[in-house]
mmCIF file of all heavy atoms, coordinates in Angstrom:
data_MODEL
# 
_entry.id   MODEL 
# 
loop_
_atom_site.group_PDB 
_atom_site.id 
_atom_site.type_symbol 
_atom_site.label_atom_id 
_atom_site.label_alt_id 
_atom_site.label_comp_id 
_atom_site.label_asym_id 
_atom_site.label_entity_id 
_atom_site.label_seq_id 
_atom_site.pdbx_PDB_ins_code 
_atom_site.Cartn_x 
_atom_site.Cartn_y 
_atom_site.Cartn_z 
_atom_site.occupancy 
_atom_site.B_iso_or_equiv 
_atom_site.pdbx_formal_charge 
_atom_site.auth_seq_id 
_atom_site.auth_comp_id 
_atom_site.auth_asym_id 
_atom_site.auth_atom_id 
_atom_site.pdbx_PDB_model_num 
ATOM 1   N N   . LYS A 1 1  ? 2.510   -28.871 4.491  1.00 0.00 ? 1  LYS A N   1 
ATOM 2   C CA  . LYS A 1 1  ? 1.262   -29.591 4.342  1.00 0.00 ? 1  LYS A CA  1 
ATOM 3   C C   . LYS A 1 1  ? 0.211   -28.622 3.825  1.00 0.00 ? 1  LYS A C   1 
ATOM 4   O O   . LYS A 1 1  ? 0.046   -27.528 4.373  1.00 0.00 ? 1  LYS A O   1 
ATOM 5   C CB  . LYS A 1 1  ? 0.827   -30.198 5.679  1.00 0.00 ? 1  LYS A CB  1 
ATOM 6   C CG  . LYS A 1 1  ? -0.224  -31.270 5.537  1.00 0.00 ? 1  LYS A CG  1 
ATOM 7   C CD  . LYS A 1 1  ? -0.332  -32.094 6.809  1.00 0.00 ? 1  LYS A CD  1 
ATOM 8   C CE  . LYS A 1 1  ? -1.270  -33.268 6.590  1.00 0.00 ? 1  LYS A CE  1 
ATOM 9   N NZ  . LYS A 1 1  ? -1.332  -34.149 7.763  1.00 0.00 ? 1  LYS A NZ  1 
ATOM 10  N N   . SER A 1 2  ? -0.489  -29.022 2.779  1.00 0.00 ? 2  SER A N   1 
ATOM 11  C CA  . SER A 1 2  ? -1.437  -28.150 2.098  1.00 0.00 ? 2  SER A CA  1 
ATOM 12  C C   . SER A 1 2  ? -2.379  -27.467 3.082  1.00 0.00 ? 2  SER A C   1 
ATOM 13  O O   . SER A 1 2  ? -2.964  -28.101 3.952  1.00 0.00 ? 2  SER A O   1 
ATOM 14  C CB  . SER A 1 2  ? -2.237  -28.964 1.082  1.00 0.00 ? 2  SER A CB  1 
ATOM 15  O OG  . SER A 1 2  ? -3.228  -28.172 0.475  1.00 0.00 ? 2  SER A OG  1 
ATOM 16  N N   . SER A 1 3  ? -2.522  -26.157 2.901  1.00 0.00 ? 3  SER A N   1 
ATOM 17  C CA  . SER A 1 3  ? -3.493  -25.319 3.619  1.00 0.00 ? 3  SER A CA  1 
ATOM 18  C C   . SER A 1 3  ? -3.153  -25.073 5.082  1.00 0.00 ? 3  SER A C   1 
ATOM 19  O O   . SER A 1 3  ? -3.896  -24.369 5.772  1.00 0.00 ? 3  SER A O   1 
ATOM 20  C CB  . SER A 1 3  ? -4.909  -25.903 3.515  1.00 0.00 ? 3  SER A CB  1 
ATOM 21  O OG  . SER A 1 3  ? -5.314  -25.991 2.165  1.00 0.00 ? 3  SER A OG  1 
ATOM 22  N N   . GLU A 1 4  ? -2.060  -25.616 5.582  1.00 0.00 ? 4  GLU A N   1 
ATOM 23  C CA  . GLU A 1 4  ? -1.669  -25.322 6.961  1.00 0.00 ? 4  GLU A CA  1 
ATOM 24  C C   . GLU A 1 4  ? -0.902  -23.998 7.017  1.00 0.00 ? 4  GLU A C   1 
ATOM 25  O O   . GLU A 1 4  ? -0.097  -23.695 6.140  1.00 0.00 ? 4  GLU A O   1 
ATOM 26  C CB  . GLU A 1 4  ? -0.807  -26.448 7.542  1.00 0.00 ? 4  GLU A CB  1 
ATOM 27  C CG  . GLU A 1 4  ? -1.591  -27.684 7.902  1.00 0.00 ? 4  GLU A CG  1 
ATOM 28  C CD  . GLU A 1 4  ? -0.788  -28.650 8.755  1.00 0.00 ? 4  GLU A CD  1 
ATOM 29  O OE1 . GLU A 1 4  ? 0.417   -28.377 8.992  1.00 0.00 ? 4  GLU A OE1 1 
ATOM 30  O OE2 . GLU A 1 4  ? -1.349  -29.668 9.179  1.00 0.00 ? 4  GLU A OE2 1 
ATOM 31  N N   . THR A 1 5  ? -1.140  -23.222 8.065  1.00 0.00 ? 5  THR A N   1 
ATOM 32  C CA  . THR A 1 5  ? -0.479  -21.931 8.216  1.00 0.00 ? 5  THR A CA  1 
ATOM 33  C C   . THR A 1 5  ? 1.030   -22.110 8.339  1.00 0.00 ? 5  THR A C   1 
ATOM 34  O O   . THR A 1 5  ? 1.510   -22.940 9.114  1.00 0.00 ? 5  THR A O   1 
ATOM 35  C CB  . THR A 1 5  ? -1.003  -21.188 9.454  1.00 0.00 ? 5  THR A CB  1 
ATOM 36  O OG1 . THR A 1 5  ? -2.402  -20.937 9.283  1.00 0.00 ? 5  THR A OG1 1 
ATOM 37  C CG2 . THR A 1 5  ? -0.273  -19.875 9.656  1.00 0.00 ? 5  THR A CG2 1 
ATOM 38  N N   . ILE A 1 6  ? 1.763   -21.320 7.549  1.00 0.00 ? 6  ILE A N   1 
ATOM 39  C CA  . ILE A 1 6  ? 3.226   -21.358 7.599  1.00 0.00 ? 6  ILE A CA  1 
ATOM 40  C C   . ILE A 1 6  ? 3.761   -20.334 8.579  1.00 0.00 ? 6  ILE A C   1 
ATOM 41  O O   . ILE A 1 6  ? 4.627   -20.615 9.407  1.00 0.00 ? 6  ILE A O   1 
ATOM 42  C CB  . ILE A 1 6  ? 3.817   -21.083 6.191  1.00 0.00 ? 6  ILE A CB  1 
ATOM 43  C CG1 . ILE A 1 6  ? 3.467   -22.219 5.240  1.00 0.00 ? 6  ILE A CG1 1 
ATOM 44  C CG2 . ILE A 1 6  ? 5.330   -20.882 6.262  1.00 0.00 ? 6  ILE A CG2 1 
ATOM 45  C CD1 . ILE A 1 6  ? 3.860   -21.941 3.807  1.00 0.00 ? 6  ILE A CD1 1 
ATOM 46  N N   . ASP A 1 7  ? 3.226   -19.104 8.495  1.00 0.00 ? 7  ASP A N   1 
ATOM 47  C CA  . ASP A 1 7  ? 3.708   -18.015 9.340  1.00 0.00 ? 7  ASP A CA  1 
ATOM 48  C C   . ASP A 1 7  ? 2.714   -16.863 9.238  1.00 0.00 ? 7  ASP A C   1 
ATOM 49  O O   . ASP A 1 7  ? 1.655   -17.000 8.627  1.00 0.00 ? 7  ASP A O   1 
ATOM 50  C CB  . ASP A 1 7  ? 5.104   -17.565 8.872  1.00 0.00 ? 7  ASP A CB  1 
ATOM 51  C CG  . ASP A 1 7  ? 5.942   -16.997 10.010 1.00 0.00 ? 7  ASP A CG  1 
ATOM 52  O OD1 . ASP A 1 7  ? 5.358   -16.365 10.917 1.00 0.00 ? 7  ASP A OD1 1 
ATOM 53  O OD2 . ASP A 1 7  ? 7.167   -17.157 9.987  1.00 0.00 ? 7  ASP A OD2 1 
ATOM 54  N N   . LYS A 1 8  ? 3.085   -15.727 9.823  1.00 0.00 ? 8  LYS A N   1 
ATOM 55  C CA  . LYS A 1 8  ? 2.302   -14.500 9.709  1.00 0.00 ? 8  LYS A CA  1 
ATOM 56  C C   . LYS A 1 8  ? 3.158   -13.446 9.028  1.00 0.00 ? 8  LYS A C   1 
ATOM 57  O O   . LYS A 1 8  ? 4.387   -13.437 9.191  1.00 0.00 ? 8  LYS A O   1 
ATOM 58  C CB  . LYS A 1 8  ? 1.877   -13.987 11.084 1.00 0.00 ? 8  LYS A CB  1 
ATOM 59  C CG  . LYS A 1 8  ? 0.973   -14.930 11.873 1.00 0.00 ? 8  LYS A CG  1 
ATOM 60  C CD  . LYS A 1 8  ? 0.686   -14.343 13.251 1.00 0.00 ? 8  LYS A CD  1 
ATOM 61  C CE  . LYS A 1 8  ? -0.172  -15.287 14.086 1.00 0.00 ? 8  LYS A CE  1 
ATOM 62  N NZ  . LYS A 1 8  ? -1.552  -15.381 13.553 1.00 0.00 ? 8  LYS A NZ  1 
ATOM 63  N N   . VAL A 1 9  ? 2.528   -12.555 8.271  1.00 0.00 ? 9  VAL A N   1 
ATOM 64  C CA  . VAL A 1 9  ? 3.241   -11.413 7.702  1.00 0.00 ? 9  VAL A CA  1 
ATOM 65  C C   . VAL A 1 9  ? 2.539   -10.129 8.138  1.00 0.00 ? 9  VAL A C   1 
ATOM 66  O O   . VAL A 1 9  ? 1.339   -10.120 8.429  1.00 0.00 ? 9  VAL A O   1 
ATOM 67  C CB  . VAL A 1 9  ? 3.330   -11.488 6.160  1.00 0.00 ? 9  VAL A CB  1 
ATOM 68  C CG1 . VAL A 1 9  ? 4.065   -12.736 5.721  1.00 0.00 ? 9  VAL A CG1 1 
ATOM 69  C CG2 . VAL A 1 9  ? 1.951   -11.424 5.524  1.00 0.00 ? 9  VAL A CG2 1 
ATOM 70  N N   . ASP A 1 10 ? 3.314   -9.033  8.198  1.00 0.00 ? 10 ASP A N   1 
ATOM 71  C CA  . ASP A 1 10 ? 2.775   -7.761  8.653  1.00 0.00 ? 10 ASP A CA  1 
ATOM 72  C C   . ASP A 1 10 ? 1.845   -7.141  7.616  1.00 0.00 ? 10 ASP A C   1 
ATOM 73  O O   . ASP A 1 10 ? 2.055   -7.279  6.404  1.00 0.00 ? 10 ASP A O   1 
ATOM 74  C CB  . ASP A 1 10 ? 3.921   -6.783  8.948  1.00 0.00 ? 10 ASP A CB  1 
ATOM 75  C CG  . ASP A 1 10 ? 4.768   -7.238  10.126 1.00 0.00 ? 10 ASP A CG  1 
ATOM 76  O OD1 . ASP A 1 10 ? 4.227   -7.936  11.004 1.00 0.00 ? 10 ASP A OD1 1 
ATOM 77  O OD2 . ASP A 1 10 ? 5.976   -6.912  10.146 1.00 0.00 ? 10 ASP A OD2 1 
ATOM 78  N N   . VAL A 1 11 ? 0.832   -6.442  8.119  1.00 0.00 ? 11 VAL A N   1 
ATOM 79  C CA  . VAL A 1 11 ? -0.166  -5.775  7.268  1.00 0.00 ? 11 VAL A CA  1 
ATOM 80  C C   . VAL A 1 11 ? -0.121  -4.277  7.549  1.00 0.00 ? 11 VAL A C   1 
ATOM 81  O O   . VAL A 1 11 ? -0.021  -3.847  8.710  1.00 0.00 ? 11 VAL A O   1 
ATOM 82  C CB  . VAL A 1 11 ? -1.576  -6.330  7.535  1.00 0.00 ? 11 VAL A CB  1 
ATOM 83  C CG1 . VAL A 1 11 ? -2.623  -5.565  6.719  1.00 0.00 ? 11 VAL A CG1 1 
ATOM 84  C CG2 . VAL A 1 11 ? -1.633  -7.825  7.206  1.00 0.00 ? 11 VAL A CG2 1 
ATOM 85  N N   . TRP A 1 12 ? -0.221  -3.483  6.508  1.00 0.00 ? 12 TRP A N   1 
ATOM 86  C CA  . TRP A 1 12 ? -0.226  -2.020  6.618  1.00 0.00 ? 12 TRP A CA  1 
ATOM 87  C C   . TRP A 1 12 ? -1.635  -1.492  6.377  1.00 0.00 ? 12 TRP A C   1 
ATOM 88  O O   . TRP A 1 12 ? -2.287  -1.861  5.406  1.00 0.00 ? 12 TRP A O   1 
ATOM 89  C CB  . TRP A 1 12 ? 0.748   -1.416  5.614  1.00 0.00 ? 12 TRP A CB  1 
ATOM 90  C CG  . TRP A 1 12 ? 0.662   0.067   5.439  1.00 0.00 ? 12 TRP A CG  1 
ATOM 91  C CD1 . TRP A 1 12 ? 0.232   0.744   4.346  1.00 0.00 ? 12 TRP A CD1 1 
ATOM 92  C CD2 . TRP A 1 12 ? 1.030   1.063   6.391  1.00 0.00 ? 12 TRP A CD2 1 
ATOM 93  N NE1 . TRP A 1 12 ? 0.292   2.091   4.529  1.00 0.00 ? 12 TRP A NE1 1 
ATOM 94  C CE2 . TRP A 1 12 ? 0.792   2.321   5.796  1.00 0.00 ? 12 TRP A CE2 1 
ATOM 95  C CE3 . TRP A 1 12 ? 1.545   1.006   7.703  1.00 0.00 ? 12 TRP A CE3 1 
ATOM 96  C CZ2 . TRP A 1 12 ? 1.041   3.520   6.453  1.00 0.00 ? 12 TRP A CZ2 1 
ATOM 97  C CZ3 . TRP A 1 12 ? 1.795   2.208   8.350  1.00 0.00 ? 12 TRP A CZ3 1 
ATOM 98  C CH2 . TRP A 1 12 ? 1.536   3.441   7.733  1.00 0.00 ? 12 TRP A CH2 1 
ATOM 99  N N   . LEU A 1 13 ? -2.105  -0.661  7.304  1.00 0.00 ? 13 LEU A N   1 
ATOM 100 C CA  . LEU A 1 13 ? -3.411  -0.013  7.206  1.00 0.00 ? 13 LEU A CA  1 
ATOM 101 C C   . LEU A 1 13 ? -4.560  -1.024  7.172  1.00 0.00 ? 13 LEU A C   1 
ATOM 102 O O   . LEU A 1 13 ? -5.577  -0.794  6.508  1.00 0.00 ? 13 LEU A O   1 
ATOM 103 C CB  . LEU A 1 13 ? -3.482  0.912   5.976  1.00 0.00 ? 13 LEU A CB  1 
ATOM 104 C CG  . LEU A 1 13 ? -2.494  2.087   5.958  1.00 0.00 ? 13 LEU A CG  1 
ATOM 105 C CD1 . LEU A 1 13 ? -2.667  2.894   4.675  1.00 0.00 ? 13 LEU A CD1 1 
ATOM 106 C CD2 . LEU A 1 13 ? -2.664  2.962   7.196  1.00 0.00 ? 13 LEU A CD2 1 
ATOM 107 N N   . GLY A 1 14 ? -4.401  -2.123  7.882  1.00 0.00 ? 14 GLY A N   1 
ATOM 108 C CA  . GLY A 1 14 ? -5.453  -3.128  7.953  1.00 0.00 ? 14 GLY A CA  1 
ATOM 109 C C   . GLY A 1 14 ? -6.104  -3.150  9.323  1.00 0.00 ? 14 GLY A C   1 
ATOM 110 O O   . GLY A 1 14 ? -5.520  -2.678  10.314 1.00 0.00 ? 14 GLY A O   1 
ATOM 111 N N   . LYS A 1 15 ? -7.293  -3.715  9.406  1.00 0.00 ? 15 LYS A N   1 
ATOM 112 C CA  . LYS A 1 15 ? -7.969  -3.847  10.691 1.00 0.00 ? 15 LYS A CA  1 
ATOM 113 C C   . LYS A 1 15 ? -7.266  -4.865  11.582 1.00 0.00 ? 15 LYS A C   1 
ATOM 114 O O   . LYS A 1 15 ? -7.539  -4.940  12.782 1.00 0.00 ? 15 LYS A O   1 
ATOM 115 C CB  . LYS A 1 15 ? -9.436  -4.243  10.477 1.00 0.00 ? 15 LYS A CB  1 
ATOM 116 C CG  . LYS A 1 15 ? -10.270 -3.096  9.898  1.00 0.00 ? 15 LYS A CG  1 
ATOM 117 C CD  . LYS A 1 15 ? -11.744 -3.442  9.862  1.00 0.00 ? 15 LYS A CD  1 
ATOM 118 C CE  . LYS A 1 15 ? -12.559 -2.246  9.393  1.00 0.00 ? 15 LYS A CE  1 
ATOM 119 N NZ  . LYS A 1 15 ? -14.016 -2.537  9.347  1.00 0.00 ? 15 LYS A NZ  1 
ATOM 120 N N   . GLU A 1 16 ? -6.390  -5.659  10.976 1.00 0.00 ? 16 GLU A N   1 
ATOM 121 C CA  . GLU A 1 16 ? -5.489  -6.529  11.725 1.00 0.00 ? 16 GLU A CA  1 
ATOM 122 C C   . GLU A 1 16 ? -4.066  -6.220  11.294 1.00 0.00 ? 16 GLU A C   1 
ATOM 123 O O   . GLU A 1 16 ? -3.815  -5.886  10.134 1.00 0.00 ? 16 GLU A O   1 
ATOM 124 C CB  . GLU A 1 16 ? -5.833  -8.003  11.479 1.00 0.00 ? 16 GLU A CB  1 
ATOM 125 C CG  . GLU A 1 16 ? -7.229  -8.384  11.930 1.00 0.00 ? 16 GLU A CG  1 
ATOM 126 C CD  . GLU A 1 16 ? -7.518  -9.863  11.718 1.00 0.00 ? 16 GLU A CD  1 
ATOM 127 O OE1 . GLU A 1 16 ? -6.644  -10.680 12.069 1.00 0.00 ? 16 GLU A OE1 1 
ATOM 128 O OE2 . GLU A 1 16 ? -8.604  -10.179 11.201 1.00 0.00 ? 16 GLU A OE2 1 
ATOM 129 N N   . ASN A 1 17 ? -3.145  -6.343  12.230 1.00 0.00 ? 17 ASN A N   1 
ATOM 130 C CA  . ASN A 1 17 ? -1.758  -5.974  11.941 1.00 0.00 ? 17 ASN A CA  1 
ATOM 131 C C   . ASN A 1 17 ? -0.969  -7.078  11.250 1.00 0.00 ? 17 ASN A C   1 
ATOM 132 O O   . ASN A 1 17 ? 0.118   -6.830  10.725 1.00 0.00 ? 17 ASN A O   1 
ATOM 133 C CB  . ASN A 1 17 ? -1.041  -5.582  13.236 1.00 0.00 ? 17 ASN A CB  1 
ATOM 134 C CG  . ASN A 1 17 ? -1.575  -4.285  13.807 1.00 0.00 ? 17 ASN A CG  1 
ATOM 135 O OD1 . ASN A 1 17 ? -1.989  -3.406  13.059 1.00 0.00 ? 17 ASN A OD1 1 
ATOM 136 N ND2 . ASN A 1 17 ? -1.584  -4.188  15.132 1.00 0.00 ? 17 ASN A ND2 1 
ATOM 137 N N   . GLN A 1 18 ? -1.505  -8.292  11.261 1.00 0.00 ? 18 GLN A N   1 
ATOM 138 C CA  . GLN A 1 18 ? -0.835  -9.420  10.611 1.00 0.00 ? 18 GLN A CA  1 
ATOM 139 C C   . GLN A 1 18 ? -1.874  -10.316 9.950  1.00 0.00 ? 18 GLN A C   1 
ATOM 140 O O   . GLN A 1 18 ? -3.058  -10.298 10.313 1.00 0.00 ? 18 GLN A O   1 
ATOM 141 C CB  . GLN A 1 18 ? -0.024  -10.240 11.623 1.00 0.00 ? 18 GLN A CB  1 
ATOM 142 C CG  . GLN A 1 18 ? 1.185   -9.505  12.192 1.00 0.00 ? 18 GLN A CG  1 
ATOM 143 C CD  . GLN A 1 18 ? 1.997   -10.405 13.091 1.00 0.00 ? 18 GLN A CD  1 
ATOM 144 O OE1 . GLN A 1 18 ? 1.464   -11.094 13.954 1.00 0.00 ? 18 GLN A OE1 1 
ATOM 145 N NE2 . GLN A 1 18 ? 3.319   -10.404 12.892 1.00 0.00 ? 18 GLN A NE2 1 
ATOM 146 N N   . VAL A 1 19 ? -1.411  -11.106 8.994  1.00 0.00 ? 19 VAL A N   1 
ATOM 147 C CA  . VAL A 1 19 ? -2.282  -12.091 8.357  1.00 0.00 ? 19 VAL A CA  1 
ATOM 148 C C   . VAL A 1 19 ? -1.516  -13.398 8.217  1.00 0.00 ? 19 VAL A C   1 
ATOM 149 O O   . VAL A 1 19 ? -0.318  -13.412 7.904  1.00 0.00 ? 19 VAL A O   1 
ATOM 150 C CB  . VAL A 1 19 ? -2.781  -11.598 6.973  1.00 0.00 ? 19 VAL A CB  1 
ATOM 151 C CG1 . VAL A 1 19 ? -1.628  -11.416 5.986  1.00 0.00 ? 19 VAL A CG1 1 
ATOM 152 C CG2 . VAL A 1 19 ? -3.823  -12.563 6.396  1.00 0.00 ? 19 VAL A CG2 1 
ATOM 153 N N   . ASP A 1 20 ? -2.205  -14.516 8.500  1.00 0.00 ? 20 ASP A N   1 
ATOM 154 C CA  . ASP A 1 20 ? -1.598  -15.834 8.302  1.00 0.00 ? 20 ASP A CA  1 
ATOM 155 C C   . ASP A 1 20 ? -1.391  -16.093 6.816  1.00 0.00 ? 20 ASP A C   1 
ATOM 156 O O   . ASP A 1 20 ? -2.194  -15.665 5.970  1.00 0.00 ? 20 ASP A O   1 
ATOM 157 C CB  . ASP A 1 20 ? -2.498  -16.930 8.873  1.00 0.00 ? 20 ASP A CB  1 
ATOM 158 C CG  . ASP A 1 20 ? -2.565  -16.897 10.394 1.00 0.00 ? 20 ASP A CG  1 
ATOM 159 O OD1 . ASP A 1 20 ? -1.679  -16.286 11.007 1.00 0.00 ? 20 ASP A OD1 1 
ATOM 160 O OD2 . ASP A 1 20 ? -3.514  -17.488 10.956 1.00 0.00 ? 20 ASP A OD2 1 
ATOM 161 N N   . VAL A 1 21 ? -0.337  -16.815 6.487  1.00 0.00 ? 21 VAL A N   1 
ATOM 162 C CA  . VAL A 1 21 ? -0.060  -17.175 5.091  1.00 0.00 ? 21 VAL A CA  1 
ATOM 163 C C   . VAL A 1 21 ? 0.151   -18.682 4.980  1.00 0.00 ? 21 VAL A C   1 
ATOM 164 O O   . VAL A 1 21 ? 0.551   -19.339 5.945  1.00 0.00 ? 21 VAL A O   1 
ATOM 165 C CB  . VAL A 1 21 ? 1.172   -16.427 4.541  1.00 0.00 ? 21 VAL A CB  1 
ATOM 166 C CG1 . VAL A 1 21 ? 0.875   -14.943 4.387  1.00 0.00 ? 21 VAL A CG1 1 
ATOM 167 C CG2 . VAL A 1 21 ? 2.392   -16.632 5.438  1.00 0.00 ? 21 VAL A CG2 1 
ATOM 168 N N   . TYR A 1 22 ? -0.100  -19.220 3.792  1.00 0.00 ? 22 TYR A N   1 
ATOM 169 C CA  . TYR A 1 22 ? 0.028   -20.661 3.569  1.00 0.00 ? 22 TYR A CA  1 
ATOM 170 C C   . TYR A 1 22 ? 0.319   -20.935 2.098  1.00 0.00 ? 22 TYR A C   1 
ATOM 171 O O   . TYR A 1 22 ? 0.217   -20.041 1.244  1.00 0.00 ? 22 TYR A O   1 
ATOM 172 C CB  . TYR A 1 22 ? -1.246  -21.389 4.002  1.00 0.00 ? 22 TYR A CB  1 
ATOM 173 C CG  . TYR A 1 22 ? -2.417  -21.229 3.063  1.00 0.00 ? 22 TYR A CG  1 
ATOM 174 C CD1 . TYR A 1 22 ? -2.749  -22.227 2.154  1.00 0.00 ? 22 TYR A CD1 1 
ATOM 175 C CD2 . TYR A 1 22 ? -3.189  -20.070 3.078  1.00 0.00 ? 22 TYR A CD2 1 
ATOM 176 C CE1 . TYR A 1 22 ? -3.821  -22.074 1.289  1.00 0.00 ? 22 TYR A CE1 1 
ATOM 177 C CE2 . TYR A 1 22 ? -4.265  -19.902 2.223  1.00 0.00 ? 22 TYR A CE2 1 
ATOM 178 C CZ  . TYR A 1 22 ? -4.576  -20.916 1.319  1.00 0.00 ? 22 TYR A CZ  1 
ATOM 179 O OH  . TYR A 1 22 ? -5.634  -20.759 0.448  1.00 0.00 ? 22 TYR A OH  1 
ATOM 180 N N   . VAL A 1 23 ? 0.692   -22.171 1.817  1.00 0.00 ? 23 VAL A N   1 
ATOM 181 C CA  . VAL A 1 23 ? 0.877   -22.648 0.447  1.00 0.00 ? 23 VAL A CA  1 
ATOM 182 C C   . VAL A 1 23 ? -0.123  -23.772 0.221  1.00 0.00 ? 23 VAL A C   1 
ATOM 183 O O   . VAL A 1 23 ? -0.225  -24.687 1.040  1.00 0.00 ? 23 VAL A O   1 
ATOM 184 C CB  . VAL A 1 23 ? 2.314   -23.156 0.203  1.00 0.00 ? 23 VAL A CB  1 
ATOM 185 C CG1 . VAL A 1 23 ? 2.445   -23.791 -1.173 1.00 0.00 ? 23 VAL A CG1 1 
ATOM 186 C CG2 . VAL A 1 23 ? 3.302   -21.999 0.344  1.00 0.00 ? 23 VAL A CG2 1 
ATOM 187 N N   . ASN A 1 24 ? -0.859  -23.714 -0.869 1.00 0.00 ? 24 ASN A N   1 
ATOM 188 C CA  . ASN A 1 24 ? -1.968  -24.638 -1.080 1.00 0.00 ? 24 ASN A CA  1 
ATOM 189 C C   . ASN A 1 24 ? -1.536  -25.928 -1.782 1.00 0.00 ? 24 ASN A C   1 
ATOM 190 O O   . ASN A 1 24 ? -2.148  -26.352 -2.769 1.00 0.00 ? 24 ASN A O   1 
ATOM 191 C CB  . ASN A 1 24 ? -3.077  -23.954 -1.883 1.00 0.00 ? 24 ASN A CB  1 
ATOM 192 C CG  . ASN A 1 24 ? -4.378  -24.748 -1.851 1.00 0.00 ? 24 ASN A CG  1 
ATOM 193 O OD1 . ASN A 1 24 ? -4.615  -25.496 -0.916 1.00 0.00 ? 24 ASN A OD1 1 
ATOM 194 N ND2 . ASN A 1 24 ? -5.192  -24.601 -2.879 1.00 0.00 ? 24 ASN A ND2 1 
ATOM 195 N N   . GLU A 1 25 ? -0.475  -26.524 -1.315 1.00 0.00 ? 25 GLU A N   1 
ATOM 196 C CA  . GLU A 1 25 ? -0.076  -27.838 -1.820 1.00 0.00 ? 25 GLU A CA  1 
ATOM 197 C C   . GLU A 1 25 ? 0.902   -28.486 -0.851 1.00 0.00 ? 25 GLU A C   1 
ATOM 198 O O   . GLU A 1 25 ? 1.612   -27.805 -0.107 1.00 0.00 ? 25 GLU A O   1 
ATOM 199 C CB  . GLU A 1 25 ? 0.532   -27.755 -3.223 1.00 0.00 ? 25 GLU A CB  1 
ATOM 200 C CG  . GLU A 1 25 ? 1.786   -26.938 -3.347 1.00 0.00 ? 25 GLU A CG  1 
ATOM 201 C CD  . GLU A 1 25 ? 2.315   -26.897 -4.774 1.00 0.00 ? 25 GLU A CD  1 
ATOM 202 O OE1 . GLU A 1 25 ? 2.796   -27.950 -5.258 1.00 0.00 ? 25 GLU A OE1 1 
ATOM 203 O OE2 . GLU A 1 25 ? 2.232   -25.838 -5.398 1.00 0.00 ? 25 GLU A OE2 1 
ATOM 204 N N   . ASP A 1 26 ? 0.894   -29.816 -0.877 1.00 0.00 ? 26 ASP A N   1 
ATOM 205 C CA  . ASP A 1 26 ? 1.885   -30.552 -0.097 1.00 0.00 ? 26 ASP A CA  1 
ATOM 206 C C   . ASP A 1 26 ? 3.242   -30.410 -0.786 1.00 0.00 ? 26 ASP A C   1 
ATOM 207 O O   . ASP A 1 26 ? 3.331   -30.516 -2.012 1.00 0.00 ? 26 ASP A O   1 
ATOM 208 C CB  . ASP A 1 26 ? 1.517   -32.028 -0.002 1.00 0.00 ? 26 ASP A CB  1 
ATOM 209 C CG  . ASP A 1 26 ? 0.211   -32.250 0.745  1.00 0.00 ? 26 ASP A CG  1 
ATOM 210 O OD1 . ASP A 1 26 ? -0.106  -31.441 1.632  1.00 0.00 ? 26 ASP A OD1 1 
ATOM 211 O OD2 . ASP A 1 26 ? -0.492  -33.229 0.433  1.00 0.00 ? 26 ASP A OD2 1 
ATOM 212 N N   . ILE A 1 27 ? 4.276   -30.190 -0.003 1.00 0.00 ? 27 ILE A N   1 
ATOM 213 C CA  . ILE A 1 27 ? 5.617   -30.072 -0.573 1.00 0.00 ? 27 ILE A CA  1 
ATOM 214 C C   . ILE A 1 27 ? 6.538   -31.066 0.128  1.00 0.00 ? 27 ILE A C   1 
ATOM 215 O O   . ILE A 1 27 ? 6.691   -31.037 1.354  1.00 0.00 ? 27 ILE A O   1 
ATOM 216 C CB  . ILE A 1 27 ? 6.185   -28.648 -0.416 1.00 0.00 ? 27 ILE A CB  1 
ATOM 217 C CG1 . ILE A 1 27 ? 5.265   -27.623 -1.083 1.00 0.00 ? 27 ILE A CG1 1 
ATOM 218 C CG2 . ILE A 1 27 ? 7.592   -28.566 -1.025 1.00 0.00 ? 27 ILE A CG2 1 
ATOM 219 C CD1 . ILE A 1 27 ? 5.676   -26.181 -0.839 1.00 0.00 ? 27 ILE A CD1 1 
# 
């Protein structure tokens, strides 16, 4: 569903260790 969070991925050298990811369209 467009703009809904799919999962988290790891971040390197960021102020947060993970970031939410999404796809901007209904599939």
